[in-house]
């Protein structure tokens, strides 16, 4: 397949937030926080071990969560940490390819865990020295699907700007959405799963001199009557997670036909895919993918490793998996990879890549 006329993923760079904690530490915190306030807590605590997460990164120390925080405090922390953490990721990424911020034509910023106007990308322009006429596209609300959907958006942009270079920055500080006054099972499960992640990815248009992983196609699917599956309830003290237990069932019922249809438009089948880069929403979601796609668990080992090491960092998670995939270089030229992630809506973002 000719890839010379396709945009490319040149590289991905993560910047893990500074506070590294184990799942056992998070469970101990949850046991103390929810103790006496959530019926059946001892049984529910098994979700921490069942999640098969060993560790994660947070942008603040775990002691930060022992006192209530206002929405203002949470969001100010989100803005400060987003700018600082993504600045490092961007700088390190550009240095790898001997580029400067002024060489970038498009800056796309994806996040769903805080609010900022001016948006974070606007703050990065001045801080890092991007050109004043850099085209900025802040995207909010894609949740866990924002990695795959972000790549699909960048691909659309670069198809019309083949000489351009673009940055996709994903910042998800899920820990800052922790609800101090919420003693529900949903808040407990969110505590067991979610973490903080920051990534920057460099893209080049088809006429750019930079080599990389070719983006053959990108697309999204939104299923009707599923708005209540995933998202946020915005409350006085912050964002309360909405996370339906039906997500693994939806994966089993919907993802096969979704991906088969996506690939069929490119005259491909699932068996033509050599590598799967899946957003690991959790252990049950990965198990649902094995059933839905008829693939062994080993096909999703990379994604399982990422959630084990980093937890669920929302949109940044699949970007961490992509970074790991590129670093391993366990592939041959011409092989195909399918990157996919699920998000609110309820929706899926799919990207077809060629090595």
Protein backbone atom coordinates (compact mmCIF):
# COMPACT_ATOMS: atom_id res chain seq x y z
CA UNK A 1 0.00 0.00 0.00
CA UNK A 2 1.41 3.42 -0.96
CA UNK A 3 1.87 5.55 2.15
CA UNK A 4 3.70 8.50 0.58
CA UNK A 5 0.55 10.61 0.44
CA UNK A 6 -0.45 10.13 4.07
CA UNK A 7 0.20 12.15 7.20
CA UNK A 8 2.56 10.53 9.69
CA UNK A 9 3.01 10.11 13.44
CA UNK A 10 6.63 11.11 13.96
CA UNK A 11 6.92 10.45 17.69
CA UNK A 12 5.22 10.44 21.08
CA UNK A 13 6.65 11.74 24.35
CA UNK A 14 5.09 11.28 27.79
CA UNK A 15 5.83 13.22 30.95
CA UNK A 16 4.50 11.16 33.88
CA UNK A 17 3.29 13.39 36.74
CA UNK A 18 5.74 13.38 39.65
CA UNK A 19 3.95 11.47 42.41
CA UNK A 20 4.24 7.71 41.87
CA UNK A 21 2.04 5.55 44.11
CA UNK A 22 1.14 1.89 44.27
CA UNK A 23 -2.33 0.40 44.02
CA UNK A 24 -1.95 -0.81 47.61
CA UNK A 25 -1.48 2.79 48.75
CA UNK A 26 -4.58 3.88 46.85
CA UNK A 27 -6.58 1.01 48.35
CA UNK A 28 -5.46 1.95 51.85
CA UNK A 29 -6.58 5.53 51.21
CA UNK A 30 -9.95 4.34 49.89
CA UNK A 31 -10.49 2.01 52.84
CA UNK A 32 -9.97 4.89 55.25
CA UNK A 33 -11.97 7.42 53.21
CA UNK A 34 -15.01 5.22 52.49
CA UNK A 35 -14.89 3.32 55.80
CA UNK A 36 -18.24 3.47 57.58
CA UNK A 37 -19.74 5.44 54.70
CA UNK A 38 -20.24 2.82 51.98
CA UNK A 39 -22.18 -0.35 52.62
CA UNK A 40 -20.36 -3.51 51.55
CA UNK A 41 -17.02 -1.71 51.39
CA UNK A 42 -14.88 -4.74 52.25
CA UNK A 43 -16.33 -6.68 49.33
CA UNK A 44 -15.99 -3.71 46.97
CA UNK A 45 -12.34 -3.19 47.87
CA UNK A 46 -11.64 -6.30 45.79
CA UNK A 47 -12.04 -4.02 42.76
CA UNK A 48 -8.57 -2.63 43.49
CA UNK A 49 -6.86 -5.99 43.03
CA UNK A 50 -9.26 -7.09 40.28
CA UNK A 51 -8.30 -4.02 38.24
CA UNK A 52 -4.79 -5.46 37.81
CA UNK A 53 -3.21 -2.04 38.24
CA UNK A 54 0.11 -2.03 40.09
CA UNK A 55 0.89 1.67 40.18
CA UNK A 56 0.01 5.07 38.80
CA UNK A 57 1.15 8.69 38.69
CA UNK A 58 -0.56 11.67 40.28
CA UNK A 59 0.06 15.38 39.79
CA UNK A 60 -0.33 15.99 43.54
CA UNK A 61 0.60 13.87 46.58
CA UNK A 62 -2.06 11.54 47.93
CA UNK A 63 -2.23 13.67 51.10
CA UNK A 64 -3.83 16.38 48.92
CA UNK A 65 -7.03 14.33 48.88
CA UNK A 66 -7.43 14.06 52.65
CA UNK A 67 -9.04 17.51 52.87
CA UNK A 68 -11.96 18.89 50.84
CA UNK A 69 -11.13 21.14 47.90
CA UNK A 70 -13.35 23.66 46.17
CA UNK A 71 -13.91 23.59 42.44
CA UNK A 72 -11.77 26.73 42.25
CA UNK A 73 -8.87 25.03 44.05
CA UNK A 74 -9.12 21.93 41.87
CA UNK A 75 -9.28 23.88 38.64
CA UNK A 76 -6.45 26.26 39.52
CA UNK A 77 -4.31 23.19 40.22
CA UNK A 78 -5.43 21.68 36.91
CA UNK A 79 -4.37 24.79 34.96
CA UNK A 80 -1.00 25.12 36.69
CA UNK A 81 -0.12 21.43 36.39
CA UNK A 82 -1.38 21.15 32.81
CA UNK A 83 0.86 23.97 31.63
CA UNK A 84 3.92 22.77 33.54
CA UNK A 85 3.65 19.08 32.71
CA UNK A 86 2.76 19.49 29.04
CA UNK A 87 5.52 22.09 28.56
CA UNK A 88 8.10 19.47 29.54
CA UNK A 89 6.55 16.82 27.28
CA UNK A 90 6.49 19.20 24.31
CA UNK A 91 10.03 20.46 24.88
CA UNK A 92 11.48 16.97 25.21
CA UNK A 93 9.61 15.75 22.14
CA UNK A 94 10.73 18.62 19.91
CA UNK A 95 14.33 18.29 21.07
CA UNK A 96 14.33 14.65 19.95
CA UNK A 97 13.71 15.78 16.38
CA UNK A 98 15.80 18.97 16.46
CA UNK A 99 12.74 21.18 16.19
CA UNK A 100 11.61 24.38 17.90
CA UNK A 101 8.06 25.41 18.87
CA UNK A 102 8.13 27.98 16.04
CA UNK A 103 8.39 25.07 13.57
CA UNK A 104 4.91 23.84 14.54
CA UNK A 105 1.90 24.94 12.48
CA UNK A 106 -0.96 23.38 14.49
CA UNK A 107 -1.30 22.86 18.24
CA UNK A 108 -4.20 20.61 19.24
CA UNK A 109 -4.89 20.30 22.96
CA UNK A 110 -7.16 17.51 24.24
CA UNK A 111 -8.43 17.20 27.81
CA UNK A 112 -11.61 16.49 29.77
CA UNK A 113 -10.52 16.84 33.40
CA UNK A 114 -10.44 20.60 33.91
CA UNK A 115 -11.54 23.92 32.42
CA UNK A 116 -9.49 26.85 31.19
CA UNK A 117 -10.26 30.03 29.26
CA UNK A 118 -7.86 31.13 27.86
CA UNK A 119 -7.32 27.49 26.99
CA UNK A 120 -4.15 25.63 27.93
CA UNK A 121 -2.83 25.76 24.37
CA UNK A 122 -3.03 29.56 24.45
CA UNK A 123 -0.92 29.57 27.61
CA UNK A 124 1.63 27.27 25.98
CA UNK A 125 2.05 29.55 22.96
CA UNK A 126 3.69 32.32 24.96
CA UNK A 127 5.45 30.13 27.50
CA UNK A 128 7.27 27.97 24.94
CA UNK A 129 7.71 30.43 22.08
CA UNK A 130 5.34 29.14 19.43
CA UNK A 131 4.65 31.50 16.53
CA UNK A 132 1.81 33.92 17.29
CA UNK A 133 -0.02 32.67 14.19
CA UNK A 134 0.15 28.99 15.23
CA UNK A 135 -3.30 27.53 14.66
CA UNK A 136 -4.75 26.39 17.99
CA UNK A 137 -7.51 23.82 18.43
CA UNK A 138 -8.57 23.07 22.02
CA UNK A 139 -10.82 20.00 22.25
CA UNK A 140 -12.77 19.23 25.41
CA UNK A 141 -15.17 16.43 26.34
CA UNK A 142 -13.87 13.42 24.41
CA UNK A 143 -12.87 11.64 27.62
CA UNK A 144 -11.04 8.35 27.20
CA UNK A 145 -11.63 8.50 23.44
CA UNK A 146 -9.64 11.71 23.07
CA UNK A 147 -6.38 9.99 22.13
CA UNK A 148 -7.73 8.11 19.12
CA UNK A 149 -10.17 10.84 18.16
CA UNK A 150 -7.43 13.45 18.51
CA UNK A 151 -5.24 11.55 16.05
CA UNK A 152 -8.18 11.30 13.65
CA UNK A 153 -8.70 15.08 13.85
CA UNK A 154 -5.00 15.78 13.27
CA UNK A 155 -5.08 13.49 10.25
CA UNK A 156 -7.99 15.45 8.78
CA UNK A 157 -6.11 18.71 9.35
CA UNK A 158 -2.89 17.51 7.74
CA UNK A 159 -4.64 16.04 4.72
CA UNK A 160 -5.50 19.63 3.82
CA UNK A 161 -2.09 20.95 4.91
CA UNK A 162 0.44 18.41 3.60
CA UNK A 163 3.52 20.55 4.37
CA UNK A 164 2.50 21.27 7.96
CA UNK A 165 3.68 19.93 11.30
CA UNK A 166 1.27 19.46 14.20
CA UNK A 167 1.39 18.70 17.89
CA UNK A 168 -1.31 16.76 19.69
CA UNK A 169 -1.13 17.27 23.45
CA UNK A 170 -3.21 15.10 25.79
CA UNK A 171 -3.45 16.13 29.45
CA UNK A 172 -5.73 14.23 31.80
CA UNK A 173 -5.47 14.92 35.53
CA UNK A 174 -8.25 12.58 36.57
CA UNK A 175 -7.21 12.57 40.23
CA UNK A 176 -8.23 16.23 40.58
CA UNK A 177 -11.85 15.27 39.92
CA UNK A 178 -11.98 13.15 43.11
CA UNK A 179 -15.19 13.93 45.00
CA UNK A 180 -14.57 14.41 48.72
CA UNK A 181 -18.28 14.35 49.59
CA UNK A 182 -19.23 11.42 47.33
CA UNK A 183 -19.29 8.04 49.07
CA UNK A 184 -20.85 6.13 46.18
CA UNK A 185 -19.67 2.95 44.52
CA UNK A 186 -18.95 4.96 41.35
CA UNK A 187 -16.49 7.18 43.22
CA UNK A 188 -14.84 4.10 44.71
CA UNK A 189 -14.45 2.43 41.30
CA UNK A 190 -13.10 5.66 39.80
CA UNK A 191 -10.57 5.78 42.63
CA UNK A 192 -9.50 2.23 41.81
CA UNK A 193 -9.03 2.94 38.10
CA UNK A 194 -8.14 6.50 37.21
CA UNK A 195 -4.83 8.33 37.26
CA UNK A 196 -3.00 11.25 35.67
CA UNK A 197 -1.20 11.24 32.33
CA UNK A 198 0.43 13.75 29.98
CA UNK A 199 1.62 13.12 26.43
CA UNK A 200 2.68 15.10 23.37
CA UNK A 201 2.73 13.66 19.85
CA UNK A 202 4.39 15.10 16.75
CA UNK A 203 2.73 14.73 13.34
CA UNK A 204 3.93 15.59 9.85
CA UNK A 205 1.97 16.15 6.66
CA UNK A 206 2.57 14.01 3.58
CA UNK A 207 4.92 16.59 2.03
CA UNK A 208 7.00 17.08 5.18
CA UNK A 209 10.51 15.68 5.33
CA UNK A 210 9.93 13.95 8.68
CA UNK A 211 9.50 10.16 8.61
CA UNK A 212 7.02 8.27 10.75
CA UNK A 213 4.09 5.93 11.11
CA UNK A 214 1.61 6.48 8.27
CA UNK A 215 -2.00 7.30 9.16
CA UNK A 216 -4.07 5.50 6.55
CA UNK A 217 -7.46 6.44 7.98
CA UNK A 218 -9.20 7.78 11.05
CA UNK A 219 -12.82 7.91 12.07
CA UNK A 220 -15.36 7.98 14.88
CA UNK A 221 -18.59 6.19 15.69
CA UNK A 222 -21.29 7.55 18.00
CA UNK A 223 -23.96 5.12 19.20
CA UNK A 224 -27.46 6.57 19.72
CA UNK A 225 -29.24 6.54 23.08
CA UNK A 226 -26.02 6.04 25.04
CA UNK A 227 -25.35 9.47 26.55
CA UNK A 228 -25.59 8.09 30.08
CA UNK A 229 -22.82 5.49 29.67
CA UNK A 230 -19.81 7.72 30.41
CA UNK A 231 -19.12 11.35 31.26
CA UNK A 232 -19.28 13.93 34.02
CA UNK A 233 -21.99 15.40 36.23
CA UNK A 234 -20.85 18.96 36.92
CA UNK A 235 -21.53 19.73 40.58
CA UNK A 236 -20.77 22.61 42.94
CA UNK A 237 -17.55 20.98 44.15
CA UNK A 238 -16.35 19.64 40.81
CA UNK A 239 -16.88 16.93 38.23
CA UNK A 240 -18.51 13.69 39.34
CA UNK A 241 -17.68 10.69 37.18
CA UNK A 242 -20.37 8.82 35.26
CA UNK A 243 -19.20 5.30 34.49
CA UNK A 244 -21.73 2.63 33.55
CA UNK A 245 -21.23 -1.04 34.31
CA UNK A 246 -22.50 -1.75 30.80
CA UNK A 247 -19.28 -0.68 29.05
CA UNK A 248 -17.81 -4.21 28.71
CA UNK A 249 -21.16 -5.42 27.38
CA UNK A 250 -21.22 -2.61 24.82
CA UNK A 251 -17.71 -3.60 23.71
CA UNK A 252 -18.83 -7.19 23.24
CA UNK A 253 -21.95 -6.19 21.34
CA UNK A 254 -20.72 -3.24 19.26
CA UNK A 255 -16.98 -3.19 18.66
CA UNK A 256 -16.71 -6.09 16.24
CA UNK A 257 -19.16 -4.60 13.77
CA UNK A 258 -17.74 -1.11 14.37
CA UNK A 259 -14.20 -2.15 13.47
CA UNK A 260 -15.25 -4.52 10.68
CA UNK A 261 -17.15 -1.66 9.02
CA UNK A 262 -14.25 0.75 9.54
CA UNK A 263 -11.78 -1.66 7.94
CA UNK A 264 -14.13 -2.76 5.15
CA UNK A 265 -14.10 0.80 3.78
CA UNK A 266 -10.36 0.22 3.24
CA UNK A 267 -10.85 -3.28 1.76
CA UNK A 268 -9.43 -4.84 4.93
CA UNK A 269 -10.50 -7.38 7.54
CA UNK A 270 -9.64 -7.85 11.20
CA UNK A 271 -7.30 -10.70 10.24
CA UNK A 272 -5.26 -8.22 8.18
CA UNK A 273 -4.30 -6.29 11.33
CA UNK A 274 -0.90 -7.17 12.74
CA UNK A 275 -1.02 -5.05 15.90
CA UNK A 276 -3.75 -3.71 18.19
CA UNK A 277 -3.22 -0.55 20.25
CA UNK A 278 -6.28 -0.42 22.49
CA UNK A 279 -7.20 2.10 25.15
CA UNK A 280 -7.28 -0.16 28.23
CA UNK A 281 -10.34 1.15 30.06
CA UNK A 282 -9.91 -1.63 32.58
CA UNK A 283 -9.41 -5.36 32.90
CA UNK A 284 -13.03 -6.15 32.04
CA UNK A 285 -12.89 -3.93 28.96
CA UNK A 286 -9.79 -5.69 27.64
CA UNK A 287 -11.42 -9.06 28.30
CA UNK A 288 -14.45 -7.85 26.33
CA UNK A 289 -12.20 -6.96 23.40
CA UNK A 290 -10.79 -10.49 23.31
CA UNK A 291 -14.32 -11.86 23.05
CA UNK A 292 -15.61 -9.23 20.62
CA UNK A 293 -12.71 -9.47 18.19
CA UNK A 294 -11.98 -13.17 18.62
CA UNK A 295 -8.38 -12.47 19.50
CA UNK A 296 -6.25 -13.96 22.29
CA UNK A 297 -5.39 -11.85 25.33
CA UNK A 298 -1.81 -11.71 24.03
CA UNK A 299 -3.03 -9.47 21.19
CA UNK A 300 -3.71 -6.78 23.78
CA UNK A 301 -0.69 -7.42 26.02
CA UNK A 302 0.73 -3.96 25.33
CA UNK A 303 -2.45 -2.27 26.55
CA UNK A 304 -2.60 -4.54 29.60
CA UNK A 305 0.98 -3.54 30.47
CA UNK A 306 0.13 0.15 30.19
CA UNK A 307 -2.85 0.06 32.54
CA UNK A 308 -0.87 -2.12 34.96
CA UNK A 309 1.89 0.50 35.11
CA UNK A 310 -0.11 3.71 34.80
CA UNK A 311 -3.80 3.07 35.51
CA UNK A 312 -6.47 4.64 33.34
CA UNK A 313 -5.25 8.13 32.33
CA UNK A 314 -8.32 8.81 30.17
CA UNK A 315 -7.32 10.11 26.70
CA UNK A 316 -3.59 9.97 27.46
CA UNK A 317 -3.65 6.20 28.03
CA UNK A 318 -3.77 5.08 24.41
CA UNK A 319 -1.06 7.64 23.66
CA UNK A 320 1.11 5.97 26.31
CA UNK A 321 0.44 2.67 24.56
CA UNK A 322 1.40 4.21 21.22
CA UNK A 323 4.60 5.60 22.73
CA UNK A 324 5.50 2.17 24.09
CA UNK A 325 4.65 0.53 20.76
CA UNK A 326 6.94 2.88 18.83
CA UNK A 327 9.75 2.41 21.34
CA UNK A 328 9.59 -1.39 21.15
CA UNK A 329 9.82 -1.40 17.36
CA UNK A 330 8.58 -4.98 17.42
CA UNK A 331 7.25 -4.81 13.88
CA UNK A 332 8.18 -4.98 10.23
CA UNK A 333 7.80 -2.39 7.52
CA UNK A 334 4.37 -2.51 5.89
CA UNK A 335 2.54 -4.09 8.83
CA UNK A 336 -0.81 -2.66 9.89
CA UNK A 337 -1.82 -1.45 13.34
CA UNK A 338 -5.29 -0.55 14.59
CA UNK A 339 -5.56 2.03 17.36
CA UNK A 340 -8.92 2.43 19.08
CA UNK A 341 -10.43 4.05 22.17
CA UNK A 342 -13.89 4.49 23.66
CA UNK A 343 -15.29 7.73 25.06
CA UNK A 344 -18.43 9.59 26.14
CA UNK A 345 -21.28 9.82 23.74
CA UNK A 346 -20.99 6.72 23.85
CA UNK A 347 -18.41 6.64 21.10
CA UNK A 348 -15.35 5.02 19.56
CA UNK A 349 -12.36 6.56 17.84
CA UNK A 350 -10.49 4.36 15.34
CA UNK A 351 -7.19 4.94 13.54
CA UNK A 352 -5.55 2.68 10.94
CA UNK A 353 -1.76 2.88 10.86
CA UNK A 354 0.92 1.40 8.61
CA UNK A 355 4.48 0.83 9.68
